[in-house]
Amino acid sequence: MSGGRRVGILGGTFDPIHRGHVDMGLAAQTALDLATIFVIPAHVPPHRAQTNASAYHRFAMVAQAVADHERWRASDLELRRSGVSYSSDTLRKFHERGYPPSEVFFIIGTDAFADIATWRDYPRILDWTHFAVVSRPGHPAGALPYMLPDLSARMIVPPLEALAAMDPSIILIDAPTANISSTAIRQRCVEGQSIDGLVPPRVQRHIDQHGLYTAAGRRRVDAQTPPTAGTLHG
């Protein structure tokens, strides 16, 4: 099965991006042979009033995280939009750039997908992309048909043939992912504990260099304009 133009979208607040996010992207890339994965930090996440790190630093950490993955790209697509970052708006942008729903794979953890009914433009958004739903600790992908029985008819599991000809589906990917959260990482930084192995090494260096998630770091005035290198060129 050739990746062709199939692209993955891995979105999130990424405050900070961590090994669990990377594990999800790698699992989806392996299962679906994705040609490119765009990692897209949200500007204003729908579920949070504000972020801890600025848009500049969150984009910088994403850029550092993707540097070790040849087919991954950091995108500032949502950072360049004002207001709340909705996934449905991001998907429309990919469609405008020539990617039909059959070539777009929205990578998401099972815990987050369980709340899909609360998303903007639900249920229409289910027809705008494949959802690549990856297991998270305590949330196996195989449990989703029981958690979301109304959507079970759309759920399929790899390996998949003739994927390009399929209607947008919910693809369940069981794979190990690191048991960590951005909240826990921030708390460890506040307490002066090590975050070795919880974030990619380049990301850890950025956090340490700028004192992110510490009392001293919060007193600094962060730059507000995100860098644009590595953005989406659909």
C-alpha atoms as a PDB file:
ATOM      1  CA  MET A   1       0.000   0.000   0.000  1.00  0.00           C
ATOM      2  CA  SER A   2       1.666   3.224  -1.127  1.00  0.00           C
ATOM      3  CA  GLY A   3       1.279   6.430   0.866  1.00  0.00           C
ATOM      4  CA  GLY A   4       0.773   8.581  -2.244  1.00  0.00           C
ATOM      5  CA  ARG A   5      -0.666  11.936  -1.187  1.00  0.00           C
ATOM      6  CA  ARG A   6      -2.173  10.677   2.051  1.00  0.00           C
ATOM      7  CA  VAL A   7      -1.513  13.152   4.835  1.00  0.00           C
ATOM      8  CA  GLY A   8      -1.962  13.002   8.560  1.00  0.00           C
ATOM      9  CA  ILE A   9      -3.046  15.902  10.744  1.00  0.00           C
ATOM     10  CA  LEU A  10      -1.858  15.786  14.335  1.00  0.00           C
ATOM     11  CA  GLY A  11      -3.327  18.753  16.153  1.00  0.00           C
ATOM     12  CA  GLY A  12      -3.345  19.875  19.747  1.00  0.00           C
ATOM     13  CA  THR A  13      -2.382  22.553  22.195  1.00  0.00           C
ATOM     14  CA  PHE A  14       1.114  21.022  22.533  1.00  0.00           C
ATOM     15  CA  ASP A  15       1.807  22.798  25.815  1.00  0.00           C
ATOM     16  CA  PRO A  16       4.246  21.026  25.554  1.00  0.00           C
ATOM     17  CA  ILE A  17       4.313  18.379  22.838  1.00  0.00           C
ATOM     18  CA  HIS A  18       5.394  15.079  24.431  1.00  0.00           C
ATOM     19  CA  ARG A  19       6.274  11.461  23.715  1.00  0.00           C
ATOM     20  CA  GLY A  20       2.623  10.393  23.776  1.00  0.00           C
ATOM     21  CA  HIS A  21       1.858  12.743  20.879  1.00  0.00           C
ATOM     22  CA  VAL A  22       4.868  11.463  18.953  1.00  0.00           C
ATOM     23  CA  ASP A  23       3.891   7.843  19.614  1.00  0.00           C
ATOM     24  CA  MET A  24       0.399   8.478  18.223  1.00  0.00           C
ATOM     25  CA  GLY A  25       1.809  10.028  15.069  1.00  0.00           C
ATOM     26  CA  LEU A  26       4.252   7.188  14.525  1.00  0.00           C
ATOM     27  CA  ALA A  27       1.541   4.567  15.083  1.00  0.00           C
ATOM     28  CA  ALA A  28      -0.732   6.201  12.499  1.00  0.00           C
ATOM     29  CA  GLN A  29       2.096   6.681  10.027  1.00  0.00           C
ATOM     30  CA  THR A  30       3.069   3.024  10.288  1.00  0.00           C
ATOM     31  CA  ALA A  31      -0.471   1.659  10.089  1.00  0.00           C
ATOM     32  CA  LEU A  32      -1.570   3.895   7.207  1.00  0.00           C
ATOM     33  CA  ASP A  33       1.684   4.582   5.333  1.00  0.00           C
ATOM     34  CA  LEU A  34       1.119   8.327   5.445  1.00  0.00           C
ATOM     35  CA  ALA A  35       3.226  10.415   3.072  1.00  0.00           C
ATOM     36  CA  THR A  36       3.370  13.426   5.414  1.00  0.00           C
ATOM     37  CA  ILE A  37       2.214  14.307   8.901  1.00  0.00           C
ATOM     38  CA  PHE A  38       1.434  17.943   9.652  1.00  0.00           C
ATOM     39  CA  VAL A  39       1.726  18.746  13.354  1.00  0.00           C
ATOM     40  CA  ILE A  40      -0.471  21.776  14.019  1.00  0.00           C
ATOM     41  CA  PRO A  41      -0.522  23.636  17.343  1.00  0.00           C
ATOM     42  CA  ALA A  42      -3.816  25.358  18.140  1.00  0.00           C
ATOM     43  CA  HIS A  43      -3.981  29.125  18.487  1.00  0.00           C
ATOM     44  CA  VAL A  44      -6.860  29.251  20.969  1.00  0.00           C
ATOM     45  CA  PRO A  45      -7.931  25.695  21.894  1.00  0.00           C
ATOM     46  CA  PRO A  46     -11.716  25.304  22.255  1.00  0.00           C
ATOM     47  CA  HIS A  47     -11.390  23.612  25.654  1.00  0.00           C
ATOM     48  CA  ARG A  48      -8.993  26.070  27.325  1.00  0.00           C
ATOM     49  CA  ALA A  49      -9.163  29.798  28.006  1.00  0.00           C
ATOM     50  CA  GLN A  50      -5.410  30.220  27.601  1.00  0.00           C
ATOM     51  CA  THR A  51      -2.171  28.304  27.247  1.00  0.00           C
ATOM     52  CA  ASN A  52       0.806  28.263  29.594  1.00  0.00           C
ATOM     53  CA  ALA A  53       3.479  28.751  26.943  1.00  0.00           C
ATOM     54  CA  SER A  54       3.091  31.360  24.209  1.00  0.00           C
ATOM     55  CA  ALA A  55       2.239  30.489  20.620  1.00  0.00           C
ATOM     56  CA  TYR A  56       5.880  31.229  19.755  1.00  0.00           C
ATOM     57  CA  HIS A  57       7.222  28.637  22.185  1.00  0.00           C
ATOM     58  CA  ARG A  58       4.575  26.014  21.415  1.00  0.00           C
ATOM     59  CA  PHE A  59       5.336  26.255  17.702  1.00  0.00           C
ATOM     60  CA  ALA A  60       9.072  26.180  18.410  1.00  0.00           C
ATOM     61  CA  MET A  61       8.682  23.001  20.471  1.00  0.00           C
ATOM     62  CA  VAL A  62       6.659  21.360  17.698  1.00  0.00           C
ATOM     63  CA  ALA A  63       9.331  22.354  15.165  1.00  0.00           C
ATOM     64  CA  GLN A  64      11.969  20.777  17.412  1.00  0.00           C
ATOM     65  CA  ALA A  65       9.908  17.597  17.831  1.00  0.00           C
ATOM     66  CA  VAL A  66       9.388  17.028  14.092  1.00  0.00           C
ATOM     67  CA  ALA A  67      13.051  17.646  13.244  1.00  0.00           C
ATOM     68  CA  ASP A  68      13.873  13.980  13.861  1.00  0.00           C
ATOM     69  CA  HIS A  69      11.094  12.690  11.562  1.00  0.00           C
ATOM     70  CA  GLU A  70      11.737  13.033   7.848  1.00  0.00           C
ATOM     71  CA  ARG A  71       8.111  13.103   6.712  1.00  0.00           C
ATOM     72  CA  TRP A  72       6.767  15.315   9.509  1.00  0.00           C
ATOM     73  CA  ARG A  73       6.157  19.050   9.177  1.00  0.00           C
ATOM     74  CA  ALA A  74       5.360  21.755  11.720  1.00  0.00           C
ATOM     75  CA  SER A  75       2.478  23.903  10.517  1.00  0.00           C
ATOM     76  CA  ASP A  76       1.369  27.314  11.813  1.00  0.00           C
ATOM     77  CA  LEU A  77      -1.947  27.053   9.982  1.00  0.00           C
ATOM     78  CA  GLU A  78      -4.040  27.538  13.127  1.00  0.00           C
ATOM     79  CA  LEU A  79      -1.657  30.033  14.729  1.00  0.00           C
ATOM     80  CA  ARG A  80      -2.166  32.363  11.765  1.00  0.00           C
ATOM     81  CA  ARG A  81      -5.939  32.394  12.320  1.00  0.00           C
ATOM     82  CA  SER A  82      -7.502  34.619  14.952  1.00  0.00           C
ATOM     83  CA  GLY A  83     -10.024  33.270  17.410  1.00  0.00           C
ATOM     84  CA  VAL A  84     -10.709  29.714  18.518  1.00  0.00           C
ATOM     85  CA  SER A  85      -8.989  26.935  16.575  1.00  0.00           C
ATOM     86  CA  TYR A  86     -11.630  24.513  15.325  1.00  0.00           C
ATOM     87  CA  SER A  87     -10.596  21.282  13.622  1.00  0.00           C
ATOM     88  CA  SER A  88     -13.393  21.659  11.075  1.00  0.00           C
ATOM     89  CA  ASP A  89     -11.867  24.959   9.869  1.00  0.00           C
ATOM     90  CA  THR A  90      -8.468  23.285   9.535  1.00  0.00           C
ATOM     91  CA  LEU A  91      -9.952  20.456   7.495  1.00  0.00           C
ATOM     92  CA  ARG A  92     -11.589  22.976   5.155  1.00  0.00           C
ATOM     93  CA  LYS A  93      -8.173  24.534   4.543  1.00  0.00           C
ATOM     94  CA  PHE A  94      -6.740  21.161   3.559  1.00  0.00           C
ATOM     95  CA  HIS A  95      -9.654  20.585   1.192  1.00  0.00           C
ATOM     96  CA  GLU A  96      -9.060  24.019  -0.363  1.00  0.00           C
ATOM     97  CA  ARG A  97      -5.441  23.007  -0.959  1.00  0.00           C
ATOM     98  CA  GLY A  98      -6.561  20.018  -3.004  1.00  0.00           C
ATOM     99  CA  TYR A  99      -6.697  17.206  -0.444  1.00  0.00           C
ATOM    100  CA  PRO A 100     -10.016  15.336  -0.668  1.00  0.00           C
ATOM    101  CA  PRO A 101     -11.398  13.719   2.504  1.00  0.00           C
ATOM    102  CA  SER A 102     -10.178  10.293   1.337  1.00  0.00           C
ATOM    103  CA  GLU A 103      -6.555  11.519   1.528  1.00  0.00           C
ATOM    104  CA  VAL A 104      -6.738  13.222   4.932  1.00  0.00           C
ATOM    105  CA  PHE A 105      -6.270  11.357   8.236  1.00  0.00           C
ATOM    106  CA  PHE A 106      -6.973  13.207  11.465  1.00  0.00           C
ATOM    107  CA  ILE A 107      -4.814  11.563  14.144  1.00  0.00           C
ATOM    108  CA  ILE A 108      -6.356  11.553  17.597  1.00  0.00           C
ATOM    109  CA  GLY A 109      -6.218   9.594  20.834  1.00  0.00           C
ATOM    110  CA  THR A 110      -9.097   7.409  21.923  1.00  0.00           C
ATOM    111  CA  ASP A 111      -9.705   9.531  25.023  1.00  0.00           C
ATOM    112  CA  ALA A 112     -10.174  12.682  22.935  1.00  0.00           C
ATOM    113  CA  PHE A 113     -12.246  10.974  20.234  1.00  0.00           C
ATOM    114  CA  ALA A 114     -14.695   9.757  22.861  1.00  0.00           C
ATOM    115  CA  ASP A 115     -15.919  13.369  23.034  1.00  0.00           C
ATOM    116  CA  ILE A 116     -16.340  13.786  19.265  1.00  0.00           C
ATOM    117  CA  ALA A 117     -20.052  14.535  19.628  1.00  0.00           C
ATOM    118  CA  THR A 118     -19.162  17.819  21.367  1.00  0.00           C
ATOM    119  CA  TRP A 119     -17.042  19.061  18.438  1.00  0.00           C
ATOM    120  CA  ARG A 120     -18.075  21.895  16.190  1.00  0.00           C
ATOM    121  CA  ASP A 121     -19.727  20.707  12.949  1.00  0.00           C
ATOM    122  CA  TYR A 122     -20.458  17.240  14.343  1.00  0.00           C
ATOM    123  CA  PRO A 123     -21.634  14.935  12.784  1.00  0.00           C
ATOM    124  CA  ARG A 124     -20.738  16.482   9.410  1.00  0.00           C
ATOM    125  CA  ILE A 125     -17.050  16.494  10.328  1.00  0.00           C
ATOM    126  CA  LEU A 126     -17.080  12.678  10.143  1.00  0.00           C
ATOM    127  CA  ASP A 127     -17.420  13.014   6.356  1.00  0.00           C
ATOM    128  CA  TRP A 128     -14.524  15.456   5.983  1.00  0.00           C
ATOM    129  CA  THR A 129     -11.642  13.176   6.953  1.00  0.00           C
ATOM    130  CA  HIS A 130     -10.662   9.711   8.039  1.00  0.00           C
ATOM    131  CA  PHE A 131     -10.170   9.659  11.797  1.00  0.00           C
ATOM    132  CA  ALA A 132      -7.105   7.646  12.798  1.00  0.00           C
ATOM    133  CA  VAL A 133      -7.899   6.884  16.430  1.00  0.00           C
ATOM    134  CA  VAL A 134      -4.893   5.608  18.385  1.00  0.00           C
ATOM    135  CA  SER A 135      -4.976   3.865  21.763  1.00  0.00           C
ATOM    136  CA  ARG A 136      -4.027   5.846  24.845  1.00  0.00           C
ATOM    137  CA  PRO A 137      -3.156   4.275  28.214  1.00  0.00           C
ATOM    138  CA  GLY A 138      -6.393   3.110  29.818  1.00  0.00           C
ATOM    139  CA  HIS A 139      -8.315   3.805  26.613  1.00  0.00           C
ATOM    140  CA  PRO A 140      -7.863   0.918  24.132  1.00  0.00           C
ATOM    141  CA  ALA A 141      -9.061   1.586  20.600  1.00  0.00           C
ATOM    142  CA  GLY A 142     -10.963  -1.706  20.667  1.00  0.00           C
ATOM    143  CA  ALA A 143     -13.310  -0.316  23.315  1.00  0.00           C
ATOM    144  CA  LEU A 144     -14.640   2.486  21.105  1.00  0.00           C
ATOM    145  CA  PRO A 145     -17.390   0.449  19.385  1.00  0.00           C
ATOM    146  CA  TYR A 146     -18.870  -0.166  22.836  1.00  0.00           C
ATOM    147  CA  MET A 147     -18.374   3.430  23.982  1.00  0.00           C
ATOM    148  CA  LEU A 148     -19.790   4.938  20.783  1.00  0.00           C
ATOM    149  CA  PRO A 149     -22.213   2.332  19.429  1.00  0.00           C
ATOM    150  CA  ASP A 150     -23.909   4.793  17.077  1.00  0.00           C
ATOM    151  CA  LEU A 151     -20.594   5.161  15.214  1.00  0.00           C
ATOM    152  CA  SER A 152     -19.506   1.527  15.288  1.00  0.00           C
ATOM    153  CA  ALA A 153     -20.612   0.901  11.688  1.00  0.00           C
ATOM    154  CA  ARG A 154     -18.007   3.428  10.523  1.00  0.00           C
ATOM    155  CA  MET A 155     -15.161   1.828  12.495  1.00  0.00           C
ATOM    156  CA  ILE A 156     -12.547  -0.327  10.776  1.00  0.00           C
ATOM    157  CA  VAL A 157      -9.142  -1.726  11.735  1.00  0.00           C
ATOM    158  CA  PRO A 158      -5.859  -2.070   9.773  1.00  0.00           C
ATOM    159  CA  PRO A 159      -4.555  -3.575   7.598  1.00  0.00           C
ATOM    160  CA  LEU A 160      -6.624  -1.807   4.967  1.00  0.00           C
ATOM    161  CA  GLU A 161      -6.751  -2.266   1.220  1.00  0.00           C
ATOM    162  CA  ALA A 162      -8.081   0.193  -1.381  1.00  0.00           C
ATOM    163  CA  LEU A 163      -8.103   2.893   1.279  1.00  0.00           C
ATOM    164  CA  ALA A 164      -8.195   5.704  -1.275  1.00  0.00           C
ATOM    165  CA  ALA A 165     -11.530   4.448  -2.568  1.00  0.00           C
ATOM    166  CA  MET A 166     -13.146   4.227   0.854  1.00  0.00           C
ATOM    167  CA  ASP A 167     -15.561   6.717   2.319  1.00  0.00           C
ATOM    168  CA  PRO A 168     -14.193   8.581   5.351  1.00  0.00           C
ATOM    169  CA  SER A 169     -14.003   6.092   8.185  1.00  0.00           C
ATOM    170  CA  ILE A 170     -12.974   5.793  11.816  1.00  0.00           C
ATOM    171  CA  ILE A 171      -9.799   3.724  11.790  1.00  0.00           C
ATOM    172  CA  LEU A 172      -8.965   2.068  15.107  1.00  0.00           C
ATOM    173  CA  ILE A 173      -5.236   1.663  15.740  1.00  0.00           C
ATOM    174  CA  ASP A 174      -4.123  -0.324  18.777  1.00  0.00           C
ATOM    175  CA  ALA A 175      -0.543   0.636  19.591  1.00  0.00           C
ATOM    176  CA  PRO A 176       1.449   1.434  22.723  1.00  0.00           C
ATOM    177  CA  THR A 177       1.745   5.147  23.505  1.00  0.00           C
ATOM    178  CA  ALA A 178       3.576   6.800  26.378  1.00  0.00           C
ATOM    179  CA  ASN A 179       1.522   7.265  29.534  1.00  0.00           C
ATOM    180  CA  ILE A 180       2.119  10.983  30.014  1.00  0.00           C
ATOM    181  CA  SER A 181       0.220  14.236  29.722  1.00  0.00           C
ATOM    182  CA  SER A 182       1.196  17.852  29.145  1.00  0.00           C
ATOM    183  CA  THR A 183      -0.383  18.727  32.492  1.00  0.00           C
ATOM    184  CA  ALA A 184       1.875  16.267  34.316  1.00  0.00           C
ATOM    185  CA  ILE A 185       4.951  17.566  32.504  1.00  0.00           C
ATOM    186  CA  ARG A 186       4.155  21.157  33.441  1.00  0.00           C
ATOM    187  CA  GLN A 187       3.651  20.135  37.060  1.00  0.00           C
ATOM    188  CA  ARG A 188       7.003  18.347  37.132  1.00  0.00           C
ATOM    189  CA  CYS A 189       8.665  21.507  35.803  1.00  0.00           C
ATOM    190  CA  VAL A 190       7.005  23.604  38.509  1.00  0.00           C
ATOM    191  CA  GLU A 191       8.266  21.176  41.153  1.00  0.00           C
ATOM    192  CA  GLY A 192      11.770  21.078  39.705  1.00  0.00           C
ATOM    193  CA  GLN A 193      11.519  17.390  38.776  1.00  0.00           C
ATOM    194  CA  SER A 194      13.157  15.799  35.744  1.00  0.00           C
ATOM    195  CA  ILE A 195      11.201  15.384  32.505  1.00  0.00           C
ATOM    196  CA  ASP A 196      13.852  13.149  30.923  1.00  0.00           C
ATOM    197  CA  GLY A 197      12.237  10.771  28.435  1.00  0.00           C
ATOM    198  CA  LEU A 198       8.823  12.438  28.630  1.00  0.00           C
ATOM    199  CA  VAL A 199       9.430  14.863  25.767  1.00  0.00           C
ATOM    200  CA  PRO A 200      11.772  14.620  22.757  1.00  0.00           C
ATOM    201  CA  PRO A 201      15.329  15.674  23.696  1.00  0.00           C
ATOM    202  CA  ARG A 202      15.227  18.800  21.493  1.00  0.00           C
ATOM    203  CA  VAL A 203      11.985  19.859  23.174  1.00  0.00           C
ATOM    204  CA  GLN A 204      13.483  19.336  26.604  1.00  0.00           C
ATOM    205  CA  ARG A 205      16.425  21.561  25.687  1.00  0.00           C
ATOM    206  CA  HIS A 206      14.026  24.294  24.555  1.00  0.00           C
ATOM    207  CA  ILE A 207      12.039  24.064  27.797  1.00  0.00           C
ATOM    208  CA  ASP A 208      15.217  24.212  29.873  1.00  0.00           C
ATOM    209  CA  GLN A 209      16.765  27.024  27.850  1.00  0.00           C
ATOM    210  CA  HIS A 210      13.728  29.277  28.202  1.00  0.00           C
ATOM    211  CA  GLY A 211      12.657  28.239  31.685  1.00  0.00           C
ATOM    212  CA  LEU A 212       9.198  27.268  30.468  1.00  0.00           C
ATOM    213  CA  TYR A 213       6.620  26.139  33.020  1.00  0.00           C
ATOM    214  CA  THR A 214       8.622  27.517  35.941  1.00  0.00           C
ATOM    215  CA  ALA A 215       7.865  30.548  38.079  1.00  0.00           C
ATOM    216  CA  ALA A 216      10.843  32.400  36.581  1.00  0.00           C
ATOM    217  CA  GLY A 217       9.767  31.511  33.063  1.00  0.00           C
ATOM    218  CA  ARG A 218       6.234  32.800  33.591  1.00  0.00           C
ATOM    219  CA  ARG A 219       7.617  36.186  34.566  1.00  0.00           C
ATOM    220  CA  ARG A 220       9.317  36.574  31.219  1.00  0.00           C
ATOM    221  CA  VAL A 221       7.673  38.463  28.387  1.00  0.00           C
ATOM    222  CA  ASP A 222       7.196  35.967  25.565  1.00  0.00           C
ATOM    223  CA  ALA A 223       7.307  36.923  21.911  1.00  0.00           C
ATOM    224  CA  GLN A 224       3.809  36.843  20.422  1.00  0.00           C
ATOM    225  CA  THR A 225       4.475  36.267  16.713  1.00  0.00           C
ATOM    226  CA  PRO A 226       4.983  32.589  15.827  1.00  0.00           C
ATOM    227  CA  PRO A 227       7.752  31.669  13.417  1.00  0.00           C
ATOM    228  CA  THR A 228       6.640  30.602   9.944  1.00  0.00           C
ATOM    229  CA  ALA A 229       9.344  28.142   8.883  1.00  0.00           C
ATOM    230  CA  GLY A 230       8.012  24.694   8.078  1.00  0.00           C
ATOM    231  CA  THR A 231       4.425  25.774   7.535  1.00  0.00           C
ATOM    232  CA  LEU A 232       1.809  23.963   5.494  1.00  0.00           C
ATOM    233  CA  HIS A 233       2.404  24.148   1.748  1.00  0.00           C
ATOM    234  CA  GLY A 234      -0.539  22.068   0.523  1.00  0.00           C
END
